[in-house]
Amino acid sequence: MWTRRELKEKAKVKFKMNYWKCVLAALLLSVLGISMTAGGSRHMYSWIQEGDSGDNYEYHAEAYEELEDDGPYLDDLFSDLGEKSSTLPNGEIDTGKGIAVMFAFLMIFLMLFIILVIVLVIVLPVEILIVNPLEVGIQRFFVKNLKEEANIREVCYAFDHHYKNSVKIMFLREVYIFLWSLLFIIPGVIKTYEYRMIPYILEENPDISREEAFARSRRMMTGNRWKAFVLDLSFLGWYILSGLTFGILGIFYVNPYVAQTRAALYQKLKEKEPGEQLREIPYQG
């Protein structure tokens, strides 16, 4: 068993002993766009009512369907808009306004298409090939910092140790979480916590197989997903204070504190792993 107080006390002691390097590593984690609200997880939703429960999926889905049924249809809205904007006082149709509206919508779709292309061509490859391996290295830094004064060069660890394997597994983690999120988001949040330990597992076992990485993370988080969510929620006050200081408190205290606490959680859960369970087991999705 572990407690939030135990993890936080250990994290505060360790990150203060190597303060500036921890600040730099956590700052890099934030700059890369890796959310500090749910670990390797990048999502946290305060409206989750049960940590390991899926009882609310059907309720939310039905509510969404009712909202769709009761809401106005888009074709009616556009029809009304067209009648009001393109009819002149004498009853004639102003085709100029109709063309202007069509042109405006065309420009909007064009801008969205350009943004999508930029994301696919530039942002996505950068995240897959650079950001994700750096996340593995940064988590390695904080895990090592629990035992000794870690060196900042650890953040580049994944680039020199089975780089392709880290890229593949981290990418698949994002894909699986995204696909689960399509089921009204809540399953995606649960899977985010279920796969939270994958970056930590990779930093200690860079040559691990995809099946074993996911299976080990699931084992470690079984019975701990809700507790991990509550642990994240316990930092809410710090996040508010960080916002009030325009992120300054986050850079110099909150972010390294949170990152070190999550590394302490991994270390605690790893100690509970029975040796005979470390063999490869079939992947179950």
C-alpha atoms as a PDB file:
ATOM      1  CA  MET A   1       0.000   0.000   0.000  1.00  0.00           C
ATOM      2  CA  TRP A   2       1.045   3.555  -0.577  1.00  0.00           C
ATOM      3  CA  THR A   3      -0.232   6.909   0.590  1.00  0.00           C
ATOM      4  CA  ARG A   4      -0.194  10.342  -1.026  1.00  0.00           C
ATOM      5  CA  ARG A   5       1.561  11.811   1.977  1.00  0.00           C
ATOM      6  CA  GLU A   6       4.360   9.247   1.740  1.00  0.00           C
ATOM      7  CA  LEU A   7       4.984   9.891  -1.956  1.00  0.00           C
ATOM      8  CA  LYS A   8       4.839  13.666  -1.641  1.00  0.00           C
ATOM      9  CA  GLU A   9       7.198  13.814   1.314  1.00  0.00           C
ATOM     10  CA  LYS A  10       9.741  11.681  -0.507  1.00  0.00           C
ATOM     11  CA  ALA A  11       9.368  13.724  -3.704  1.00  0.00           C
ATOM     12  CA  LYS A  12       9.904  17.045  -1.924  1.00  0.00           C
ATOM     13  CA  VAL A  13      13.086  15.829  -0.272  1.00  0.00           C
ATOM     14  CA  LYS A  14      14.542  14.374  -3.466  1.00  0.00           C
ATOM     15  CA  PHE A  15      13.775  17.192  -5.866  1.00  0.00           C
ATOM     16  CA  LYS A  16      15.031  19.839  -3.436  1.00  0.00           C
ATOM     17  CA  MET A  17      18.357  17.979  -3.202  1.00  0.00           C
ATOM     18  CA  ASN A  18      18.798  18.366  -6.971  1.00  0.00           C
ATOM     19  CA  TYR A  19      16.651  21.463  -7.348  1.00  0.00           C
ATOM     20  CA  TRP A  20      17.850  23.258 -10.481  1.00  0.00           C
ATOM     21  CA  LYS A  21      18.216  20.147 -12.594  1.00  0.00           C
ATOM     22  CA  CYS A  22      14.735  19.034 -11.582  1.00  0.00           C
ATOM     23  CA  VAL A  23      13.366  22.457 -12.498  1.00  0.00           C
ATOM     24  CA  LEU A  24      15.038  22.256 -15.899  1.00  0.00           C
ATOM     25  CA  ALA A  25      13.787  18.726 -16.598  1.00  0.00           C
ATOM     26  CA  ALA A  26      10.218  19.596 -15.574  1.00  0.00           C
ATOM     27  CA  LEU A  27      10.340  22.789 -17.621  1.00  0.00           C
ATOM     28  CA  LEU A  28      11.388  20.784 -20.663  1.00  0.00           C
ATOM     29  CA  LEU A  29       8.484  18.425 -20.028  1.00  0.00           C
ATOM     30  CA  SER A  30       6.085  21.381 -20.010  1.00  0.00           C
ATOM     31  CA  VAL A  31       7.595  23.117 -23.034  1.00  0.00           C
ATOM     32  CA  LEU A  32       7.234  19.918 -25.049  1.00  0.00           C
ATOM     33  CA  GLY A  33       3.518  20.132 -24.433  1.00  0.00           C
ATOM     34  CA  ILE A  34       3.341  17.083 -22.202  1.00  0.00           C
ATOM     35  CA  SER A  35       0.479  17.775 -19.790  1.00  0.00           C
ATOM     36  CA  MET A  36       1.315  17.735 -16.099  1.00  0.00           C
ATOM     37  CA  THR A  37      -2.288  17.096 -15.087  1.00  0.00           C
ATOM     38  CA  ALA A  38      -2.356  13.344 -15.572  1.00  0.00           C
ATOM     39  CA  GLY A  39       1.111  12.026 -16.022  1.00  0.00           C
ATOM     40  CA  GLY A  40       2.049  10.225 -19.137  1.00  0.00           C
ATOM     41  CA  SER A  41      -1.535  10.756 -19.192  1.00  0.00           C
ATOM     42  CA  ARG A  42      -2.493  13.860 -20.874  1.00  0.00           C
ATOM     43  CA  HIS A  43      -6.063  14.167 -19.695  1.00  0.00           C
ATOM     44  CA  MET A  44      -7.840  14.769 -16.375  1.00  0.00           C
ATOM     45  CA  TYR A  45     -11.595  15.267 -16.103  1.00  0.00           C
ATOM     46  CA  SER A  46     -13.080  16.315 -12.791  1.00  0.00           C
ATOM     47  CA  TRP A  47     -16.461  14.822 -13.671  1.00  0.00           C
ATOM     48  CA  ILE A  48     -15.242  11.206 -13.350  1.00  0.00           C
ATOM     49  CA  GLN A  49     -17.241   9.711 -10.513  1.00  0.00           C
ATOM     50  CA  GLU A  50     -15.720   6.242 -10.237  1.00  0.00           C
ATOM     51  CA  GLY A  51     -12.054   5.510 -10.898  1.00  0.00           C
ATOM     52  CA  ASP A  52     -12.257   1.930 -12.244  1.00  0.00           C
ATOM     53  CA  SER A  53     -15.947   1.877 -13.161  1.00  0.00           C
ATOM     54  CA  GLY A  54     -17.579   1.971 -16.565  1.00  0.00           C
ATOM     55  CA  ASP A  55     -21.131   2.228 -15.228  1.00  0.00           C
ATOM     56  CA  ASN A  56     -21.648   5.774 -16.537  1.00  0.00           C
ATOM     57  CA  TYR A  57     -20.815   5.108 -20.207  1.00  0.00           C
ATOM     58  CA  GLU A  58     -24.385   4.277 -21.264  1.00  0.00           C
ATOM     59  CA  TYR A  59     -25.821   7.137 -19.221  1.00  0.00           C
ATOM     60  CA  HIS A  60     -23.617   9.720 -20.957  1.00  0.00           C
ATOM     61  CA  ALA A  61     -24.234   8.186 -24.371  1.00  0.00           C
ATOM     62  CA  GLU A  62     -28.037   8.325 -23.874  1.00  0.00           C
ATOM     63  CA  ALA A  63     -27.825  11.935 -22.679  1.00  0.00           C
ATOM     64  CA  TYR A  64     -25.832  12.835 -25.762  1.00  0.00           C
ATOM     65  CA  GLU A  65     -28.395  11.158 -28.031  1.00  0.00           C
ATOM     66  CA  GLU A  66     -31.249  13.042 -26.318  1.00  0.00           C
ATOM     67  CA  LEU A  67     -29.387  16.309 -26.803  1.00  0.00           C
ATOM     68  CA  GLU A  68     -29.006  15.532 -30.494  1.00  0.00           C
ATOM     69  CA  ASP A  69     -32.723  14.690 -30.846  1.00  0.00           C
ATOM     70  CA  ASP A  70     -33.913  17.841 -29.098  1.00  0.00           C
ATOM     71  CA  GLY A  71     -31.496  20.217 -30.790  1.00  0.00           C
ATOM     72  CA  PRO A  72     -32.219  22.151 -34.014  1.00  0.00           C
ATOM     73  CA  TYR A  73     -31.090  20.601 -37.265  1.00  0.00           C
ATOM     74  CA  LEU A  74     -28.226  22.269 -39.076  1.00  0.00           C
ATOM     75  CA  ASP A  75     -30.084  22.346 -42.360  1.00  0.00           C
ATOM     76  CA  ASP A  76     -32.951  24.296 -40.734  1.00  0.00           C
ATOM     77  CA  LEU A  77     -30.498  26.786 -39.276  1.00  0.00           C
ATOM     78  CA  PHE A  78     -28.756  27.356 -42.587  1.00  0.00           C
ATOM     79  CA  SER A  79     -32.111  27.586 -44.350  1.00  0.00           C
ATOM     80  CA  ASP A  80     -33.286  30.310 -41.962  1.00  0.00           C
ATOM     81  CA  LEU A  81     -29.968  32.078 -42.253  1.00  0.00           C
ATOM     82  CA  GLY A  82     -30.194  32.056 -46.023  1.00  0.00           C
ATOM     83  CA  GLU A  83     -33.755  33.411 -46.049  1.00  0.00           C
ATOM     84  CA  LYS A  84     -32.917  36.255 -43.671  1.00  0.00           C
ATOM     85  CA  SER A  85     -29.646  37.295 -45.200  1.00  0.00           C
ATOM     86  CA  SER A  86     -30.340  36.969 -48.896  1.00  0.00           C
ATOM     87  CA  THR A  87     -33.840  38.450 -49.267  1.00  0.00           C
ATOM     88  CA  LEU A  88     -34.147  42.119 -50.194  1.00  0.00           C
ATOM     89  CA  PRO A  89     -37.041  44.368 -48.974  1.00  0.00           C
ATOM     90  CA  ASN A  90     -38.728  44.179 -52.385  1.00  0.00           C
ATOM     91  CA  GLY A  91     -38.766  40.359 -52.208  1.00  0.00           C
ATOM     92  CA  GLU A  92     -35.911  39.780 -54.643  1.00  0.00           C
ATOM     93  CA  ILE A  93     -33.047  37.451 -53.787  1.00  0.00           C
ATOM     94  CA  ASP A  94     -29.654  39.034 -53.128  1.00  0.00           C
ATOM     95  CA  THR A  95     -27.330  36.504 -54.753  1.00  0.00           C
ATOM     96  CA  GLY A  96     -24.277  38.569 -53.779  1.00  0.00           C
ATOM     97  CA  LYS A  97     -24.800  37.862 -50.080  1.00  0.00           C
ATOM     98  CA  GLY A  98     -25.283  34.169 -50.772  1.00  0.00           C
ATOM     99  CA  ILE A  99     -22.014  34.027 -52.672  1.00  0.00           C
ATOM    100  CA  ALA A 100     -20.264  35.918 -49.852  1.00  0.00           C
ATOM    101  CA  VAL A 101     -21.558  33.430 -47.278  1.00  0.00           C
ATOM    102  CA  MET A 102     -20.446  30.488 -49.409  1.00  0.00           C
ATOM    103  CA  PHE A 103     -17.030  32.095 -49.882  1.00  0.00           C
ATOM    104  CA  ALA A 104     -16.708  32.634 -46.120  1.00  0.00           C
ATOM    105  CA  PHE A 105     -17.485  28.972 -45.402  1.00  0.00           C
ATOM    106  CA  LEU A 106     -15.062  27.921 -48.113  1.00  0.00           C
ATOM    107  CA  MET A 107     -12.297  29.976 -46.517  1.00  0.00           C
ATOM    108  CA  ILE A 108     -13.046  28.472 -43.098  1.00  0.00           C
ATOM    109  CA  PHE A 109     -12.817  24.941 -44.481  1.00  0.00           C
ATOM    110  CA  LEU A 110      -9.610  25.864 -46.301  1.00  0.00           C
ATOM    111  CA  MET A 111      -8.041  27.176 -43.097  1.00  0.00           C
ATOM    112  CA  LEU A 112      -9.063  24.040 -41.210  1.00  0.00           C
ATOM    113  CA  PHE A 113      -7.565  21.908 -43.971  1.00  0.00           C
ATOM    114  CA  ILE A 114      -4.282  23.848 -43.817  1.00  0.00           C
ATOM    115  CA  ILE A 115      -4.149  23.446 -40.035  1.00  0.00           C
ATOM    116  CA  LEU A 116      -4.782  19.717 -40.406  1.00  0.00           C
ATOM    117  CA  VAL A 117      -1.980  19.417 -42.962  1.00  0.00           C
ATOM    118  CA  ILE A 118       0.415  21.293 -40.677  1.00  0.00           C
ATOM    119  CA  VAL A 119      -0.462  18.986 -37.791  1.00  0.00           C
ATOM    120  CA  LEU A 120      -0.001  15.848 -39.878  1.00  0.00           C
ATOM    121  CA  VAL A 121       3.166  16.955 -41.664  1.00  0.00           C
ATOM    122  CA  ILE A 122       5.008  18.831 -38.894  1.00  0.00           C
ATOM    123  CA  VAL A 123       3.503  18.547 -35.408  1.00  0.00           C
ATOM    124  CA  LEU A 124       2.676  14.834 -35.417  1.00  0.00           C
ATOM    125  CA  PRO A 125       6.107  13.627 -36.635  1.00  0.00           C
ATOM    126  CA  VAL A 126       7.854  15.908 -34.123  1.00  0.00           C
ATOM    127  CA  GLU A 127       5.777  14.472 -31.283  1.00  0.00           C
ATOM    128  CA  ILE A 128       6.323  10.880 -32.396  1.00  0.00           C
ATOM    129  CA  LEU A 129      10.037  11.106 -33.149  1.00  0.00           C
ATOM    130  CA  ILE A 130      11.242  13.686 -30.612  1.00  0.00           C
ATOM    131  CA  VAL A 131       8.717  14.528 -27.885  1.00  0.00           C
ATOM    132  CA  ASN A 132       7.788  10.964 -26.917  1.00  0.00           C
ATOM    133  CA  PRO A 133      11.411   9.725 -26.585  1.00  0.00           C
ATOM    134  CA  LEU A 134      12.230  12.848 -24.585  1.00  0.00           C
ATOM    135  CA  GLU A 135       9.340  12.053 -22.254  1.00  0.00           C
ATOM    136  CA  VAL A 136      10.893   8.637 -21.616  1.00  0.00           C
ATOM    137  CA  GLY A 137      14.243  10.277 -20.861  1.00  0.00           C
ATOM    138  CA  ILE A 138      12.746  12.896 -18.567  1.00  0.00           C
ATOM    139  CA  GLN A 139      10.884  10.241 -16.581  1.00  0.00           C
ATOM    140  CA  ARG A 140      14.173   8.343 -16.317  1.00  0.00           C
ATOM    141  CA  PHE A 141      15.767  11.463 -14.850  1.00  0.00           C
ATOM    142  CA  PHE A 142      13.149  11.701 -12.098  1.00  0.00           C
ATOM    143  CA  VAL A 143      13.268   7.967 -11.322  1.00  0.00           C
ATOM    144  CA  LYS A 144      17.067   8.049 -10.991  1.00  0.00           C
ATOM    145  CA  ASN A 145      16.806  11.187  -8.869  1.00  0.00           C
ATOM    146  CA  LEU A 146      15.012   9.128  -6.226  1.00  0.00           C
ATOM    147  CA  LYS A 147      18.214   7.163  -5.611  1.00  0.00           C
ATOM    148  CA  GLU A 148      20.974   9.614  -6.457  1.00  0.00           C
ATOM    149  CA  GLU A 149      21.553  13.091  -7.850  1.00  0.00           C
ATOM    150  CA  ALA A 150      20.516  12.541 -11.456  1.00  0.00           C
ATOM    151  CA  ASN A 151      22.304  14.184 -14.359  1.00  0.00           C
ATOM    152  CA  ILE A 152      20.300  16.224 -16.869  1.00  0.00           C
ATOM    153  CA  ARG A 153      21.805  14.199 -19.737  1.00  0.00           C
ATOM    154  CA  GLU A 154      19.420  11.395 -18.792  1.00  0.00           C
ATOM    155  CA  VAL A 155      16.679  13.179 -20.750  1.00  0.00           C
ATOM    156  CA  CYS A 156      18.340  12.000 -23.988  1.00  0.00           C
ATOM    157  CA  TYR A 157      18.545   8.376 -22.848  1.00  0.00           C
ATOM    158  CA  ALA A 158      15.924   6.999 -25.262  1.00  0.00           C
ATOM    159  CA  PHE A 159      17.764   8.346 -28.308  1.00  0.00           C
ATOM    160  CA  ASP A 160      20.779   6.128 -27.532  1.00  0.00           C
ATOM    161  CA  HIS A 161      18.997   3.022 -26.212  1.00  0.00           C
ATOM    162  CA  HIS A 162      16.592   1.167 -28.519  1.00  0.00           C
ATOM    163  CA  TYR A 163      15.224   4.402 -29.927  1.00  0.00           C
ATOM    164  CA  LYS A 164      12.941   2.750 -32.475  1.00  0.00           C
ATOM    165  CA  ASN A 165      11.345   0.555 -29.826  1.00  0.00           C
ATOM    166  CA  SER A 166      10.577   3.559 -27.601  1.00  0.00           C
ATOM    167  CA  VAL A 167       9.133   5.475 -30.558  1.00  0.00           C
ATOM    168  CA  LYS A 168       6.932   2.527 -31.533  1.00  0.00           C
ATOM    169  CA  ILE A 169       5.565   1.762 -28.065  1.00  0.00           C
ATOM    170  CA  MET A 170       4.969   5.393 -27.102  1.00  0.00           C
ATOM    171  CA  PHE A 171       3.206   5.996 -30.424  1.00  0.00           C
ATOM    172  CA  LEU A 172       0.979   2.945 -29.921  1.00  0.00           C
ATOM    173  CA  ARG A 173       0.142   4.163 -26.434  1.00  0.00           C
ATOM    174  CA  GLU A 174      -1.149   7.442 -27.899  1.00  0.00           C
ATOM    175  CA  VAL A 175      -3.102   5.601 -30.605  1.00  0.00           C
ATOM    176  CA  TYR A 176      -4.778   3.253 -28.121  1.00  0.00           C
ATOM    177  CA  ILE A 177      -5.718   6.098 -25.784  1.00  0.00           C
ATOM    178  CA  PHE A 178      -7.124   8.102 -28.711  1.00  0.00           C
ATOM    179  CA  LEU A 179      -9.210   5.169 -29.945  1.00  0.00           C
ATOM    180  CA  TRP A 180     -10.558   4.473 -26.469  1.00  0.00           C
ATOM    181  CA  SER A 181     -11.356   8.192 -26.102  1.00  0.00           C
ATOM    182  CA  LEU A 182     -13.745   7.908 -29.044  1.00  0.00           C
ATOM    183  CA  LEU A 183     -16.033   5.937 -26.707  1.00  0.00           C
ATOM    184  CA  PHE A 184     -17.297   9.157 -25.090  1.00  0.00           C
ATOM    185  CA  ILE A 185     -13.898  10.111 -23.591  1.00  0.00           C
ATOM    186  CA  ILE A 186     -14.216   8.363 -20.193  1.00  0.00           C
ATOM    187  CA  PRO A 187     -12.732   5.051 -21.425  1.00  0.00           C
ATOM    188  CA  GLY A 188      -9.833   7.069 -22.820  1.00  0.00           C
ATOM    189  CA  VAL A 189      -9.223   8.649 -19.425  1.00  0.00           C
ATOM    190  CA  ILE A 190      -9.242   5.230 -17.768  1.00  0.00           C
ATOM    191  CA  LYS A 191      -6.817   3.865 -20.360  1.00  0.00           C
ATOM    192  CA  THR A 192      -4.595   6.917 -19.883  1.00  0.00           C
ATOM    193  CA  TYR A 193      -4.132   5.938 -16.257  1.00  0.00           C
ATOM    194  CA  GLU A 194      -3.829   2.260 -17.155  1.00  0.00           C
ATOM    195  CA  TYR A 195      -0.942   3.010 -19.544  1.00  0.00           C
ATOM    196  CA  ARG A 196       0.627   5.694 -17.346  1.00  0.00           C
ATOM    197  CA  MET A 197       3.651   3.605 -16.380  1.00  0.00           C
ATOM    198  CA  ILE A 198       4.761   2.834 -19.939  1.00  0.00           C
ATOM    199  CA  PRO A 199       7.350   5.695 -20.172  1.00  0.00           C
ATOM    200  CA  TYR A 200       8.837   4.594 -16.835  1.00  0.00           C
ATOM    201  CA  ILE A 201       8.910   0.952 -17.908  1.00  0.00           C
ATOM    202  CA  LEU A 202      10.655   1.913 -21.152  1.00  0.00           C
ATOM    203  CA  GLU A 203      13.328   3.957 -19.407  1.00  0.00           C
ATOM    204  CA  GLU A 204      14.350   0.926 -17.352  1.00  0.00           C
ATOM    205  CA  ASN A 205      13.675  -1.675 -20.053  1.00  0.00           C
ATOM    206  CA  PRO A 206      14.276   0.032 -23.421  1.00  0.00           C
ATOM    207  CA  ASP A 207      14.266  -3.291 -25.289  1.00  0.00           C
ATOM    208  CA  ILE A 208      10.993  -4.544 -23.804  1.00  0.00           C
ATOM    209  CA  SER A 209       8.353  -5.860 -26.190  1.00  0.00           C
ATOM    210  CA  ARG A 210       5.152  -3.969 -26.890  1.00  0.00           C
ATOM    211  CA  GLU A 211       3.027  -6.721 -25.345  1.00  0.00           C
ATOM    212  CA  GLU A 212       5.007  -6.846 -22.122  1.00  0.00           C
ATOM    213  CA  ALA A 213       5.190  -3.044 -21.744  1.00  0.00           C
ATOM    214  CA  PHE A 214       1.419  -2.669 -21.907  1.00  0.00           C
ATOM    215  CA  ALA A 215       0.766  -5.756 -19.803  1.00  0.00           C
ATOM    216  CA  ARG A 216       3.163  -4.644 -17.067  1.00  0.00           C
ATOM    217  CA  SER A 217       1.659  -1.161 -16.929  1.00  0.00           C
ATOM    218  CA  ARG A 218      -1.817  -2.663 -16.598  1.00  0.00           C
ATOM    219  CA  ARG A 219      -0.675  -4.923 -13.769  1.00  0.00           C
ATOM    220  CA  MET A 220       0.956  -2.062 -11.911  1.00  0.00           C
ATOM    221  CA  MET A 221      -2.091   0.185 -12.213  1.00  0.00           C
ATOM    222  CA  THR A 222      -4.681  -2.467 -11.364  1.00  0.00           C
ATOM    223  CA  GLY A 223      -6.395  -1.213  -8.232  1.00  0.00           C
ATOM    224  CA  ASN A 224      -4.382   2.028  -8.377  1.00  0.00           C
ATOM    225  CA  ARG A 225      -6.057   4.013 -11.156  1.00  0.00           C
ATOM    226  CA  TRP A 226      -8.520   5.782  -8.892  1.00  0.00           C
ATOM    227  CA  LYS A 227      -5.859   6.403  -6.261  1.00  0.00           C
ATOM    228  CA  ALA A 228      -3.561   7.845  -8.944  1.00  0.00           C
ATOM    229  CA  PHE A 229      -6.379  10.124 -10.098  1.00  0.00           C
ATOM    230  CA  VAL A 230      -6.913  11.347  -6.526  1.00  0.00           C
ATOM    231  CA  LEU A 231      -3.164  11.899  -6.248  1.00  0.00           C
ATOM    232  CA  ASP A 232      -3.304  14.118  -9.343  1.00  0.00           C
ATOM    233  CA  LEU A 233      -6.344  15.906  -7.958  1.00  0.00           C
ATOM    234  CA  SER A 234      -4.477  16.655  -4.720  1.00  0.00           C
ATOM    235  CA  PHE A 235      -2.240  19.045  -6.673  1.00  0.00           C
ATOM    236  CA  LEU A 236      -5.195  21.155  -7.799  1.00  0.00           C
ATOM    237  CA  GLY A 237      -4.496  23.872  -5.231  1.00  0.00           C
ATOM    238  CA  TRP A 238      -0.909  24.123  -6.464  1.00  0.00           C
ATOM    239  CA  TYR A 239      -2.100  24.451 -10.061  1.00  0.00           C
ATOM    240  CA  ILE A 240      -4.408  27.291  -9.046  1.00  0.00           C
ATOM    241  CA  LEU A 241      -1.576  29.096  -7.264  1.00  0.00           C
ATOM    242  CA  SER A 242       0.620  28.530 -10.313  1.00  0.00           C
ATOM    243  CA  GLY A 243      -2.020  30.151 -12.492  1.00  0.00           C
ATOM    244  CA  LEU A 244      -2.248  33.124 -10.151  1.00  0.00           C
ATOM    245  CA  THR A 245       1.508  33.630 -10.507  1.00  0.00           C
ATOM    246  CA  PHE A 246       1.295  33.333 -14.319  1.00  0.00           C
ATOM    247  CA  GLY A 247       3.071  29.973 -14.246  1.00  0.00           C
ATOM    248  CA  ILE A 248       6.136  31.150 -12.318  1.00  0.00           C
ATOM    249  CA  LEU A 249       5.345  28.979  -9.294  1.00  0.00           C
ATOM    250  CA  GLY A 250       4.712  26.070 -11.664  1.00  0.00           C
ATOM    251  CA  ILE A 251       8.142  26.369 -13.238  1.00  0.00           C
ATOM    252  CA  PHE A 252      10.119  26.714 -10.036  1.00  0.00           C
ATOM    253  CA  TYR A 253       8.162  24.416  -7.723  1.00  0.00           C
ATOM    254  CA  VAL A 254       4.897  22.752  -8.810  1.00  0.00           C
ATOM    255  CA  ASN A 255       6.014  21.015 -12.013  1.00  0.00           C
ATOM    256  CA  PRO A 256       9.174  19.386 -10.610  1.00  0.00           C
ATOM    257  CA  TYR A 257       7.285  18.507  -7.418  1.00  0.00           C
ATOM    258  CA  VAL A 258       4.526  16.759  -9.402  1.00  0.00           C
ATOM    259  CA  ALA A 259       6.939  14.984 -11.757  1.00  0.00           C
ATOM    260  CA  GLN A 260       9.033  13.703  -8.856  1.00  0.00           C
ATOM    261  CA  THR A 261       5.918  12.498  -7.032  1.00  0.00           C
ATOM    262  CA  ARG A 262       4.802  10.498 -10.065  1.00  0.00           C
ATOM    263  CA  ALA A 263       8.243   8.933 -10.333  1.00  0.00           C
ATOM    264  CA  ALA A 264       7.951   7.990  -6.657  1.00  0.00           C
ATOM    265  CA  LEU A 265       4.606   6.340  -7.434  1.00  0.00           C
ATOM    266  CA  TYR A 266       6.232   4.250 -10.171  1.00  0.00           C
ATOM    267  CA  GLN A 267       9.036   3.223  -7.836  1.00  0.00           C
ATOM    268  CA  LYS A 268       6.522   2.185  -5.177  1.00  0.00           C
ATOM    269  CA  LEU A 269       4.375   0.165  -7.580  1.00  0.00           C
ATOM    270  CA  LYS A 270       7.441  -1.502  -9.108  1.00  0.00           C
ATOM    271  CA  GLU A 271       8.438  -2.812  -5.687  1.00  0.00           C
ATOM    272  CA  LYS A 272       5.091  -4.622  -5.508  1.00  0.00           C
ATOM    273  CA  GLU A 273       5.657  -6.447  -8.819  1.00  0.00           C
ATOM    274  CA  PRO A 274       6.156 -10.178  -8.122  1.00  0.00           C
ATOM    275  CA  GLY A 275       9.252 -11.495  -9.870  1.00  0.00           C
ATOM    276  CA  GLU A 276       7.397 -14.340 -11.537  1.00  0.00           C
ATOM    277  CA  GLN A 277       5.032 -11.861 -13.229  1.00  0.00           C
ATOM    278  CA  LEU A 278       7.801 -10.109 -15.142  1.00  0.00           C
ATOM    279  CA  ARG A 279       7.730 -12.709 -17.926  1.00  0.00           C
ATOM    280  CA  GLU A 280       5.947 -11.817 -21.147  1.00  0.00           C
ATOM    281  CA  ILE A 281       2.201 -12.451 -21.202  1.00  0.00           C
ATOM    282  CA  PRO A 282      -0.265 -12.207 -24.105  1.00  0.00           C
ATOM    283  CA  TYR A 283      -1.410  -8.678 -24.899  1.00  0.00           C
ATOM    284  CA  GLN A 284      -5.117  -8.120 -24.247  1.00  0.00           C
ATOM    285  CA  GLY A 285      -5.595  -4.560 -25.591  1.00  0.00           C
END
